[in-house]
Amino acid sequence: MTEPTRLDTVLPLLEFAATAEEPDLRVAALAAAARLPLDETCWLEHSRVTGRVIGELPPGSDERRAVLRVAADIPLLSVRRHLRTLADDP
């Protein structure tokens, strides 16, 4: 079995996702991080950054939809509950 990725290893990628100016790069960084075998601490940090990026992107934009697709793969119940509220919001 693959060892989980440690936070200090994935943090630079998540920091890039949080600060990159180009939305496509933010999406790519979040998607790349989500493909790693993350432990729970990493997933919590990933979800925090993902939520921040979702909040900064314009509703209905292609980039926001792409980040929401990445967020749907985050294996945390709290994230899934939050995504349901976003889906219910007109």
C-alpha atoms as a PDB file:
ATOM      1  CA  MET A   1       0.000   0.000   0.000  1.00  0.00           C
ATOM      2  CA  THR A   2       1.205   3.512  -0.783  1.00  0.00           C
ATOM      3  CA  GLU A   3       2.280   5.696   2.113  1.00  0.00           C
ATOM      4  CA  PRO A   4       0.062   8.761   2.632  1.00  0.00           C
ATOM      5  CA  THR A   5       1.534  12.051   1.481  1.00  0.00           C
ATOM      6  CA  ARG A   6       2.642  14.258   4.362  1.00  0.00           C
ATOM      7  CA  LEU A   7       1.389  17.812   4.734  1.00  0.00           C
ATOM      8  CA  ASP A   8       4.852  19.331   4.350  1.00  0.00           C
ATOM      9  CA  THR A   9       5.103  17.616   0.968  1.00  0.00           C
ATOM     10  CA  VAL A  10       1.743  18.744  -0.431  1.00  0.00           C
ATOM     11  CA  LEU A  11       1.610  22.182   1.206  1.00  0.00           C
ATOM     12  CA  PRO A  12       3.597  23.997  -1.529  1.00  0.00           C
ATOM     13  CA  LEU A  13       1.135  22.742  -4.133  1.00  0.00           C
ATOM     14  CA  LEU A  14      -1.841  23.856  -2.030  1.00  0.00           C
ATOM     15  CA  GLU A  15      -0.233  27.240  -1.367  1.00  0.00           C
ATOM     16  CA  PHE A  16       0.242  27.671  -5.097  1.00  0.00           C
ATOM     17  CA  ALA A  17      -3.434  26.813  -5.647  1.00  0.00           C
ATOM     18  CA  ALA A  18      -4.399  29.425  -3.072  1.00  0.00           C
ATOM     19  CA  THR A  19      -2.271  32.215  -4.535  1.00  0.00           C
ATOM     20  CA  ALA A  20      -1.932  31.661  -8.287  1.00  0.00           C
ATOM     21  CA  GLU A  21      -3.476  34.449 -10.322  1.00  0.00           C
ATOM     22  CA  GLU A  22      -4.623  32.265 -13.210  1.00  0.00           C
ATOM     23  CA  PRO A  23      -7.795  30.316 -12.307  1.00  0.00           C
ATOM     24  CA  ASP A  24      -6.801  27.429 -14.602  1.00  0.00           C
ATOM     25  CA  LEU A  25      -3.555  26.991 -12.675  1.00  0.00           C
ATOM     26  CA  ARG A  26      -5.436  27.008  -9.378  1.00  0.00           C
ATOM     27  CA  VAL A  27      -7.748  24.292 -10.656  1.00  0.00           C
ATOM     28  CA  ALA A  28      -4.826  22.222 -11.950  1.00  0.00           C
ATOM     29  CA  ALA A  29      -2.943  22.477  -8.645  1.00  0.00           C
ATOM     30  CA  LEU A  30      -5.995  21.421  -6.618  1.00  0.00           C
ATOM     31  CA  ALA A  31      -6.708  18.547  -8.991  1.00  0.00           C
ATOM     32  CA  ALA A  32      -3.080  17.394  -8.854  1.00  0.00           C
ATOM     33  CA  ALA A  33      -3.063  17.458  -5.053  1.00  0.00           C
ATOM     34  CA  ALA A  34      -6.323  15.479  -4.963  1.00  0.00           C
ATOM     35  CA  ARG A  35      -4.659  12.666  -6.937  1.00  0.00           C
ATOM     36  CA  LEU A  36      -2.060  12.111  -4.225  1.00  0.00           C
ATOM     37  CA  PRO A  37      -2.618   9.599  -1.410  1.00  0.00           C
ATOM     38  CA  LEU A  38      -3.406  12.262   1.202  1.00  0.00           C
ATOM     39  CA  ASP A  39      -3.901  11.634   4.897  1.00  0.00           C
ATOM     40  CA  GLU A  40      -6.728  13.282   6.830  1.00  0.00           C
ATOM     41  CA  THR A  41      -4.658  16.326   7.795  1.00  0.00           C
ATOM     42  CA  CYS A  42      -3.810  16.916   4.146  1.00  0.00           C
ATOM     43  CA  TRP A  43      -7.441  16.522   3.098  1.00  0.00           C
ATOM     44  CA  LEU A  44      -8.493  19.066   5.719  1.00  0.00           C
ATOM     45  CA  GLU A  45      -5.965  21.562   4.368  1.00  0.00           C
ATOM     46  CA  HIS A  46      -6.999  20.737   0.802  1.00  0.00           C
ATOM     47  CA  SER A  47     -10.641  21.393   1.692  1.00  0.00           C
ATOM     48  CA  ARG A  48      -9.746  24.717   3.334  1.00  0.00           C
ATOM     49  CA  VAL A  49      -7.874  25.901   0.240  1.00  0.00           C
ATOM     50  CA  THR A  50     -10.561  24.546  -2.082  1.00  0.00           C
ATOM     51  CA  GLY A  51     -13.256  26.421  -0.180  1.00  0.00           C
ATOM     52  CA  ARG A  52     -11.248  29.617  -0.394  1.00  0.00           C
ATOM     53  CA  VAL A  53     -10.778  29.214  -4.150  1.00  0.00           C
ATOM     54  CA  ILE A  54     -14.484  28.458  -4.661  1.00  0.00           C
ATOM     55  CA  GLY A  55     -15.358  31.626  -2.762  1.00  0.00           C
ATOM     56  CA  GLU A  56     -13.012  33.744  -4.866  1.00  0.00           C
ATOM     57  CA  LEU A  57     -14.203  32.549  -8.276  1.00  0.00           C
ATOM     58  CA  PRO A  58     -17.296  34.026  -9.921  1.00  0.00           C
ATOM     59  CA  PRO A  59     -20.449  31.915  -9.541  1.00  0.00           C
ATOM     60  CA  GLY A  60     -21.221  30.018 -12.722  1.00  0.00           C
ATOM     61  CA  SER A  61     -17.698  30.351 -14.133  1.00  0.00           C
ATOM     62  CA  ASP A  62     -16.062  27.359 -15.796  1.00  0.00           C
ATOM     63  CA  GLU A  63     -13.195  27.533 -13.329  1.00  0.00           C
ATOM     64  CA  ARG A  64     -15.531  27.470 -10.328  1.00  0.00           C
ATOM     65  CA  ARG A  65     -17.363  24.471 -11.771  1.00  0.00           C
ATOM     66  CA  ALA A  66     -14.002  22.727 -12.212  1.00  0.00           C
ATOM     67  CA  VAL A  67     -13.040  23.402  -8.582  1.00  0.00           C
ATOM     68  CA  LEU A  68     -16.432  22.138  -7.437  1.00  0.00           C
ATOM     69  CA  ARG A  69     -15.765  18.902  -9.344  1.00  0.00           C
ATOM     70  CA  VAL A  70     -12.441  18.578  -7.507  1.00  0.00           C
ATOM     71  CA  ALA A  71     -14.193  19.314  -4.206  1.00  0.00           C
ATOM     72  CA  ALA A  72     -16.688  16.519  -4.857  1.00  0.00           C
ATOM     73  CA  ASP A  73     -13.807  14.045  -4.603  1.00  0.00           C
ATOM     74  CA  ILE A  74     -12.653  15.246  -1.173  1.00  0.00           C
ATOM     75  CA  PRO A  75     -13.427  12.350   1.186  1.00  0.00           C
ATOM     76  CA  LEU A  76     -14.653  14.440   4.112  1.00  0.00           C
ATOM     77  CA  LEU A  77     -18.293  14.394   5.202  1.00  0.00           C
ATOM     78  CA  SER A  78     -18.196  18.074   6.142  1.00  0.00           C
ATOM     79  CA  VAL A  79     -17.180  18.987   2.590  1.00  0.00           C
ATOM     80  CA  ARG A  80     -19.913  16.857   1.064  1.00  0.00           C
ATOM     81  CA  ARG A  81     -22.508  18.481   3.311  1.00  0.00           C
ATOM     82  CA  HIS A  82     -21.284  21.938   2.325  1.00  0.00           C
ATOM     83  CA  LEU A  83     -21.382  21.041  -1.363  1.00  0.00           C
ATOM     84  CA  ARG A  84     -25.014  19.991  -0.961  1.00  0.00           C
ATOM     85  CA  THR A  85     -25.852  23.432   0.408  1.00  0.00           C
ATOM     86  CA  LEU A  86     -24.115  25.035  -2.570  1.00  0.00           C
ATOM     87  CA  ALA A  87     -26.133  22.829  -4.928  1.00  0.00           C
ATOM     88  CA  ASP A  88     -29.365  23.884  -3.219  1.00  0.00           C
ATOM     89  CA  ASP A  89     -28.522  27.592  -3.427  1.00  0.00           C
ATOM     90  CA  PRO A  90     -30.152  29.175  -6.491  1.00  0.00           C
END
